[in-house]
N, C-alpha and C. Protein backbone atom coordinates (compact mmCIF):
# COMPACT_ATOMS: atom_id res chain seq x y z
N MET A 1 44.59 68.92 52.79
CA MET A 1 43.37 69.23 53.48
C MET A 1 43.33 70.74 53.74
N ALA A 2 42.32 71.44 53.26
CA ALA A 2 42.22 72.88 53.46
C ALA A 2 41.74 73.16 54.88
N ASP A 3 42.36 74.12 55.50
CA ASP A 3 42.06 74.48 56.86
C ASP A 3 41.93 76.00 56.90
N GLN A 4 41.17 76.55 57.85
CA GLN A 4 41.07 77.99 57.90
C GLN A 4 42.39 78.62 58.34
N ASN A 5 43.27 77.84 58.90
CA ASN A 5 44.57 78.34 59.31
C ASN A 5 45.66 78.00 58.31
N GLY A 6 45.33 77.48 57.16
CA GLY A 6 46.31 77.11 56.16
C GLY A 6 46.01 75.75 55.59
N TYR A 7 46.98 75.20 54.90
CA TYR A 7 46.85 73.89 54.27
C TYR A 7 47.78 72.94 55.00
N ARG A 8 47.28 71.75 55.32
CA ARG A 8 48.05 70.89 56.20
C ARG A 8 48.26 69.50 55.63
N ALA A 9 49.25 68.83 56.20
CA ALA A 9 49.53 67.43 55.90
C ALA A 9 49.97 66.78 57.21
N LEU A 10 49.62 65.51 57.35
CA LEU A 10 49.88 64.80 58.59
C LEU A 10 50.54 63.47 58.27
N ALA A 11 51.65 63.19 58.93
CA ALA A 11 52.33 61.89 58.82
C ALA A 11 52.29 61.26 60.21
N ARG A 12 51.75 60.06 60.28
CA ARG A 12 51.59 59.41 61.58
C ARG A 12 52.40 58.12 61.64
N PHE A 13 52.76 57.74 62.85
CA PHE A 13 53.46 56.49 63.14
C PHE A 13 54.80 56.41 62.40
N ILE A 14 55.56 57.49 62.43
CA ILE A 14 56.89 57.53 61.81
C ILE A 14 57.88 56.99 62.84
N LEU A 15 58.67 56.02 62.45
CA LEU A 15 59.57 55.35 63.38
C LEU A 15 60.88 56.13 63.57
N VAL A 16 60.73 57.34 64.11
CA VAL A 16 61.85 58.18 64.50
C VAL A 16 61.46 58.84 65.81
N SER A 17 62.39 58.98 66.71
CA SER A 17 62.11 59.59 67.99
C SER A 17 61.69 61.05 67.80
N PRO A 18 60.67 61.51 68.52
CA PRO A 18 60.23 62.90 68.38
C PRO A 18 61.32 63.90 68.76
N PHE A 19 62.21 63.53 69.66
CA PHE A 19 63.30 64.42 70.06
C PHE A 19 64.22 64.70 68.88
N LYS A 20 64.47 63.68 68.09
CA LYS A 20 65.35 63.83 66.93
C LYS A 20 64.67 64.63 65.82
N VAL A 21 63.36 64.45 65.67
CA VAL A 21 62.64 65.18 64.63
C VAL A 21 62.52 66.66 65.01
N ARG A 22 62.26 66.94 66.28
CA ARG A 22 62.12 68.33 66.73
C ARG A 22 63.40 69.12 66.52
N ARG A 23 64.53 68.46 66.68
CA ARG A 23 65.82 69.13 66.48
C ARG A 23 65.95 69.67 65.07
N VAL A 24 65.43 68.93 64.08
CA VAL A 24 65.47 69.36 62.69
C VAL A 24 64.32 70.32 62.40
N ALA A 25 63.16 70.08 62.99
CA ALA A 25 61.99 70.92 62.73
C ALA A 25 62.20 72.35 63.19
N ASP A 26 62.99 72.55 64.22
CA ASP A 26 63.25 73.90 64.70
C ASP A 26 64.01 74.74 63.68
N ASN A 27 64.71 74.10 62.75
CA ASN A 27 65.47 74.84 61.74
C ASN A 27 64.59 75.42 60.64
N VAL A 28 63.43 74.85 60.41
CA VAL A 28 62.62 75.26 59.25
C VAL A 28 61.27 75.88 59.64
N ARG A 29 60.95 75.91 60.89
CA ARG A 29 59.67 76.48 61.31
C ARG A 29 59.64 77.97 61.01
N ARG A 30 58.50 78.46 60.47
CA ARG A 30 58.26 79.87 60.14
C ARG A 30 59.15 80.41 59.02
N ARG A 31 59.64 79.53 58.17
CA ARG A 31 60.48 79.95 57.03
C ARG A 31 59.68 79.87 55.74
N PRO A 32 60.11 80.59 54.70
CA PRO A 32 59.46 80.44 53.39
C PRO A 32 59.63 79.00 52.89
N TYR A 33 58.61 78.55 52.15
CA TYR A 33 58.59 77.16 51.69
C TYR A 33 59.82 76.77 50.87
N PRO A 34 60.24 77.56 49.85
CA PRO A 34 61.43 77.13 49.08
C PRO A 34 62.70 77.06 49.93
N GLU A 35 62.82 77.99 50.88
CA GLU A 35 63.99 77.99 51.76
C GLU A 35 63.98 76.78 52.70
N ALA A 36 62.80 76.44 53.22
CA ALA A 36 62.68 75.29 54.12
C ALA A 36 63.04 74.00 53.41
N VAL A 37 62.57 73.84 52.17
CA VAL A 37 62.89 72.63 51.40
C VAL A 37 64.39 72.57 51.10
N ALA A 38 64.99 73.71 50.78
CA ALA A 38 66.44 73.75 50.50
C ALA A 38 67.25 73.37 51.74
N ILE A 39 66.82 73.84 52.90
CA ILE A 39 67.52 73.50 54.15
C ILE A 39 67.42 72.00 54.42
N LEU A 40 66.21 71.45 54.26
CA LEU A 40 66.01 70.03 54.56
C LEU A 40 66.74 69.12 53.58
N GLU A 41 66.90 69.56 52.33
CA GLU A 41 67.64 68.75 51.35
C GLU A 41 69.11 68.63 51.71
N ASN A 42 69.65 69.62 52.42
CA ASN A 42 71.08 69.64 52.72
C ASN A 42 71.42 69.17 54.13
N LEU A 43 70.43 68.74 54.89
CA LEU A 43 70.71 68.20 56.22
C LEU A 43 70.88 66.68 56.12
N PRO A 44 71.82 66.11 56.88
CA PRO A 44 72.10 64.67 56.75
C PRO A 44 71.19 63.76 57.58
N HIS A 45 70.25 64.33 58.31
CA HIS A 45 69.44 63.53 59.24
C HIS A 45 68.34 62.76 58.52
N LYS A 46 67.98 61.62 59.08
CA LYS A 46 66.88 60.82 58.55
C LYS A 46 65.57 61.60 58.65
N SER A 47 65.41 62.33 59.74
CA SER A 47 64.17 63.08 59.94
C SER A 47 64.04 64.25 58.97
N ALA A 48 65.14 64.74 58.40
CA ALA A 48 65.06 65.83 57.43
C ALA A 48 64.33 65.37 56.17
N LYS A 49 64.60 64.15 55.75
CA LYS A 49 63.94 63.61 54.56
C LYS A 49 62.44 63.44 54.81
N ILE A 50 62.08 62.98 56.00
CA ILE A 50 60.68 62.78 56.35
C ILE A 50 59.96 64.12 56.43
N LEU A 51 60.57 65.11 57.10
CA LEU A 51 59.97 66.43 57.21
C LEU A 51 59.78 67.09 55.85
N LYS A 52 60.75 66.88 54.97
CA LYS A 52 60.65 67.45 53.63
C LYS A 52 59.44 66.90 52.90
N LYS A 53 59.20 65.60 53.02
CA LYS A 53 58.04 64.99 52.37
C LYS A 53 56.73 65.53 52.93
N VAL A 54 56.67 65.72 54.23
CA VAL A 54 55.43 66.20 54.85
C VAL A 54 55.17 67.65 54.44
N ILE A 55 56.21 68.48 54.43
CA ILE A 55 56.04 69.88 54.04
C ILE A 55 55.67 69.98 52.56
N GLN A 56 56.28 69.16 51.72
CA GLN A 56 55.93 69.16 50.30
C GLN A 56 54.50 68.69 50.09
N SER A 57 54.03 67.76 50.90
CA SER A 57 52.65 67.30 50.80
C SER A 57 51.68 68.41 51.18
N ALA A 58 52.00 69.16 52.23
CA ALA A 58 51.14 70.28 52.63
C ALA A 58 51.11 71.35 51.54
N ALA A 59 52.26 71.60 50.91
CA ALA A 59 52.32 72.58 49.83
C ALA A 59 51.52 72.10 48.62
N ALA A 60 51.59 70.81 48.34
CA ALA A 60 50.82 70.25 47.23
C ALA A 60 49.32 70.37 47.50
N ASN A 61 48.93 70.19 48.76
CA ASN A 61 47.52 70.39 49.12
C ASN A 61 47.12 71.84 48.90
N ALA A 62 48.00 72.77 49.23
CA ALA A 62 47.70 74.20 49.04
C ALA A 62 47.56 74.52 47.56
N LEU A 63 48.43 73.99 46.74
CA LEU A 63 48.39 74.29 45.32
C LEU A 63 47.22 73.58 44.64
N TYR A 64 46.81 72.44 45.15
CA TYR A 64 45.69 71.70 44.56
C TYR A 64 44.36 72.38 44.87
N HIS A 65 44.21 72.82 46.13
CA HIS A 65 42.94 73.41 46.54
C HIS A 65 42.78 74.85 46.05
N ASN A 66 43.88 75.54 45.84
CA ASN A 66 43.82 76.94 45.46
C ASN A 66 44.65 77.12 44.20
N LYS A 67 44.00 77.14 43.06
CA LYS A 67 44.69 77.09 41.77
C LYS A 67 45.56 78.31 41.49
N ASN A 68 45.20 79.48 42.03
CA ASN A 68 45.97 80.68 41.70
C ASN A 68 47.02 81.02 42.76
N LEU A 69 47.38 80.07 43.58
CA LEU A 69 48.38 80.28 44.62
C LEU A 69 49.77 80.08 44.04
N ASP A 70 50.71 80.95 44.44
CA ASP A 70 52.09 80.86 43.96
C ASP A 70 52.92 80.09 44.98
N GLU A 71 53.71 79.14 44.50
CA GLU A 71 54.52 78.31 45.39
C GLU A 71 55.54 79.13 46.18
N ASP A 72 56.03 80.21 45.57
CA ASP A 72 57.04 81.04 46.24
C ASP A 72 56.43 81.90 47.34
N MET A 73 55.11 82.03 47.38
CA MET A 73 54.46 82.84 48.41
C MET A 73 54.04 82.01 49.63
N LEU A 74 54.36 80.73 49.63
CA LEU A 74 54.02 79.87 50.77
C LEU A 74 55.11 79.94 51.84
N TYR A 75 54.71 79.71 53.08
CA TYR A 75 55.68 79.58 54.16
C TYR A 75 55.19 78.52 55.14
N VAL A 76 56.12 77.97 55.91
CA VAL A 76 55.80 76.93 56.88
C VAL A 76 55.22 77.63 58.11
N LYS A 77 53.92 77.59 58.23
CA LYS A 77 53.24 78.31 59.31
C LYS A 77 53.37 77.58 60.63
N GLU A 78 53.22 76.27 60.57
CA GLU A 78 53.22 75.48 61.80
C GLU A 78 53.86 74.13 61.51
N LEU A 79 54.64 73.64 62.47
CA LEU A 79 55.28 72.34 62.32
C LEU A 79 55.28 71.69 63.70
N GLN A 80 54.36 70.76 63.90
CA GLN A 80 54.24 70.09 65.20
C GLN A 80 54.81 68.68 65.10
N VAL A 81 55.55 68.32 66.12
CA VAL A 81 56.06 66.95 66.21
C VAL A 81 55.59 66.40 67.55
N ASN A 82 54.65 65.47 67.49
CA ASN A 82 54.09 64.87 68.70
C ASN A 82 54.55 63.43 68.83
N GLU A 83 54.48 62.95 70.05
CA GLU A 83 54.90 61.58 70.32
C GLU A 83 53.78 60.61 69.99
N GLY A 84 54.13 59.54 69.30
CA GLY A 84 53.18 58.49 68.99
C GLY A 84 53.33 57.35 69.98
N PRO A 85 52.77 56.20 69.68
CA PRO A 85 52.93 55.06 70.57
C PRO A 85 54.37 54.53 70.54
N ARG A 86 54.71 53.78 71.55
CA ARG A 86 56.05 53.20 71.62
C ARG A 86 55.97 51.70 71.42
N MET A 87 56.87 51.20 70.58
CA MET A 87 56.98 49.75 70.45
C MET A 87 57.92 49.27 71.54
N LYS A 88 57.50 48.26 72.27
CA LYS A 88 58.33 47.76 73.37
C LYS A 88 58.94 46.43 72.96
N ARG A 89 60.25 46.35 73.05
CA ARG A 89 60.98 45.14 72.68
C ARG A 89 61.88 44.73 73.85
N MET A 90 62.14 43.45 73.94
CA MET A 90 63.01 42.95 75.00
C MET A 90 64.44 42.91 74.50
N TRP A 91 65.35 43.31 75.35
CA TRP A 91 66.77 43.38 75.03
C TRP A 91 67.50 42.44 75.99
N PRO A 92 68.09 41.34 75.49
CA PRO A 92 68.73 40.39 76.41
C PRO A 92 69.96 40.99 77.09
N ARG A 93 70.09 40.71 78.38
CA ARG A 93 71.21 41.20 79.16
C ARG A 93 71.91 40.01 79.83
N ALA A 94 72.90 40.30 80.61
CA ALA A 94 73.69 39.25 81.25
C ALA A 94 72.87 38.52 82.31
N ARG A 95 73.24 37.28 82.56
CA ARG A 95 72.67 36.44 83.61
C ARG A 95 71.18 36.17 83.42
N GLY A 96 70.74 36.09 82.16
CA GLY A 96 69.37 35.73 81.86
C GLY A 96 68.36 36.83 82.08
N ARG A 97 68.83 38.02 82.30
CA ARG A 97 67.91 39.13 82.51
C ARG A 97 67.55 39.78 81.18
N ALA A 98 66.61 40.72 81.25
CA ALA A 98 66.19 41.43 80.04
C ALA A 98 65.89 42.87 80.39
N ASP A 99 66.17 43.76 79.46
CA ASP A 99 65.81 45.17 79.59
C ASP A 99 64.73 45.48 78.56
N MET A 100 64.00 46.54 78.82
CA MET A 100 62.96 46.98 77.90
C MET A 100 63.58 48.00 76.94
N LEU A 101 63.43 47.74 75.66
CA LEU A 101 63.88 48.67 74.62
C LEU A 101 62.64 49.31 74.04
N GLN A 102 62.56 50.64 74.10
CA GLN A 102 61.39 51.34 73.58
C GLN A 102 61.74 52.04 72.28
N LYS A 103 61.04 51.66 71.23
CA LYS A 103 61.23 52.31 69.93
C LYS A 103 60.14 53.36 69.80
N ARG A 104 60.56 54.61 69.79
CA ARG A 104 59.61 55.72 69.81
C ARG A 104 59.13 56.08 68.41
N MET A 105 57.88 56.51 68.31
CA MET A 105 57.30 56.94 67.04
C MET A 105 56.86 58.39 67.14
N SER A 106 56.72 59.02 65.97
CA SER A 106 56.33 60.43 65.90
C SER A 106 55.11 60.60 65.03
N HIS A 107 54.33 61.63 65.36
CA HIS A 107 53.28 62.13 64.50
C HIS A 107 53.70 63.54 64.10
N ILE A 108 53.74 63.83 62.80
CA ILE A 108 54.22 65.12 62.31
C ILE A 108 53.08 65.84 61.60
N LEU A 109 52.81 67.07 62.00
CA LEU A 109 51.79 67.91 61.37
C LEU A 109 52.48 69.14 60.79
N ALA A 110 52.30 69.35 59.49
CA ALA A 110 52.86 70.53 58.82
C ALA A 110 51.71 71.36 58.27
N VAL A 111 51.78 72.66 58.51
CA VAL A 111 50.78 73.60 57.99
C VAL A 111 51.52 74.66 57.21
N VAL A 112 51.14 74.84 55.94
CA VAL A 112 51.70 75.92 55.13
C VAL A 112 50.57 76.89 54.80
N ASP A 113 50.94 78.16 54.64
CA ASP A 113 49.96 79.18 54.33
C ASP A 113 50.62 80.22 53.43
N GLU A 114 49.79 81.07 52.85
CA GLU A 114 50.29 82.10 51.98
C GLU A 114 50.77 83.28 52.81
N MET A 115 51.92 83.86 52.42
CA MET A 115 52.43 85.03 53.11
C MET A 115 51.50 86.21 52.87
N LYS A 116 51.37 87.06 53.87
CA LYS A 116 50.56 88.25 53.72
C LYS A 116 51.30 89.23 52.81
N LYS A 117 50.60 89.78 51.87
CA LYS A 117 51.22 90.73 50.95
C LYS A 117 51.31 92.09 51.61
N THR A 118 52.52 92.64 51.64
CA THR A 118 52.72 93.97 52.21
C THR A 118 52.87 94.95 51.05
N GLY A 119 52.21 96.01 51.15
CA GLY A 119 52.29 97.00 50.08
C GLY A 119 51.47 98.22 50.45
N ALA A 120 51.78 99.33 49.80
CA ALA A 120 51.06 100.56 50.10
C ALA A 120 50.26 101.01 48.90
């Protein structure tokens, strides 16, 4: 989706806690696109694979909408990880009691844009 602030991709209702995704997202925010993808490929976290897909989708949107854009000139402009709804499940405990187990979901927004060309 083309945006005046860049090209974006959105992944919603991802069954990973936003706290865990933010820990990985902080490593790649404001980095060049090839470097961000390389970092995410080498991280062992489940959220790294998800973030990589979202960032690649945003880059694909940029390359689709703008035919003369170079992939190496893209960078991760914005990476938001917001909390989605929580699935509530019952967890059996001792003496017939139950605890509430909350499975947290994330909404991930990635925005990539072209780097400004510096030159004299």
